[in-house]
Protein backbone atom coordinates (compact mmCIF):
# COMPACT_ATOMS: atom_id res chain seq x y z
CA MET A 1 29.72 2.91 5.79
CA ALA A 2 29.62 -0.99 4.56
CA ILE A 3 26.85 -2.51 3.17
CA ASN A 4 26.53 -6.12 4.27
CA VAL A 5 23.75 -7.09 0.97
CA GLU A 6 23.59 -9.36 -1.80
CA GLY A 7 21.65 -9.38 -5.27
CA GLU A 8 19.10 -7.00 -6.00
CA LEU A 9 18.98 -4.94 -3.27
CA LYS A 10 22.66 -4.16 -3.38
CA LYS A 11 21.37 -2.42 -6.87
CA ARG A 12 18.81 -1.09 -5.33
CA PHE A 13 21.33 0.54 -3.16
CA PHE A 14 23.48 1.38 -5.37
CA ALA A 15 20.95 2.99 -7.58
CA LEU A 16 20.04 5.39 -4.20
CA GLY A 17 23.39 6.53 -3.96
CA LEU A 18 24.32 4.30 -0.67
CA LYS A 19 28.02 2.68 -1.86
CA GLU A 20 30.46 1.83 0.94
CA GLY A 21 32.44 5.09 1.71
CA THR A 22 29.21 7.19 1.24
CA HIS A 23 28.49 9.99 4.06
CA ILE A 24 25.06 9.00 5.67
CA GLN A 25 23.39 10.86 8.13
CA VAL A 26 19.94 10.09 10.20
CA LEU A 27 17.75 12.44 10.26
CA ARG A 28 14.85 10.46 11.96
CA LYS A 29 13.93 6.55 12.96
CA ALA A 30 10.46 5.80 13.67
CA LYS A 31 9.25 3.77 17.07
CA PHE A 32 8.28 0.23 17.16
CA GLY A 33 10.56 -0.55 14.67
CA GLY A 34 9.18 1.69 11.96
CA PRO A 35 11.02 2.92 9.00
CA MET A 36 14.45 5.04 8.95
CA HIS A 37 14.88 8.30 7.54
CA LEU A 38 18.47 9.23 5.99
CA ARG A 39 20.12 11.98 4.00
CA VAL A 40 22.35 10.58 1.00
CA GLY A 41 24.55 13.46 0.24
CA THR A 42 22.27 15.89 -1.15
CA SER A 43 18.86 13.44 -1.58
CA GLU A 44 16.81 12.17 1.54
CA LEU A 45 15.53 8.52 1.65
CA ILE A 46 13.01 6.08 3.85
CA LEU A 47 14.10 2.61 4.41
CA ARG A 48 12.50 0.00 6.11
CA LEU A 49 14.42 -1.31 9.18
CA LYS A 50 15.13 -4.56 7.95
CA GLU A 51 16.57 -2.84 5.13
CA ALA A 52 18.53 -0.19 6.64
CA SER A 53 20.18 -2.67 9.42
CA CYS A 54 22.17 -4.23 6.21
CA ILE A 55 23.72 -0.68 6.93
CA CYS A 56 27.13 -0.62 8.73
CA LEU A 57 27.29 2.80 9.82
CA VAL A 58 30.99 4.65 11.43
CA ALA A 59 30.83 8.09 13.75
CA SER A 60 32.32 10.89 12.40
CA LEU A 61 34.90 13.60 13.79
CA ALA A 62 31.80 15.73 12.54
CA ALA A 63 29.34 14.74 14.28
CA THR A 64 30.67 13.88 17.55
CA ASN A 65 31.85 17.70 17.97
């Protein structure tokens, strides 16, 4: 995972446990540009699509099997 943000949003992501290399699971994505429901470790987060679009996810082998 890579995060493409700067400033306050990067600090907020870091405080929520979103750091480069962290395992993230996408649980749900709302229709019509609504928020995304993510699991980061043992925490669950809801992020606006605009904020979530700053996160670059890479599929893991466990997710494809």
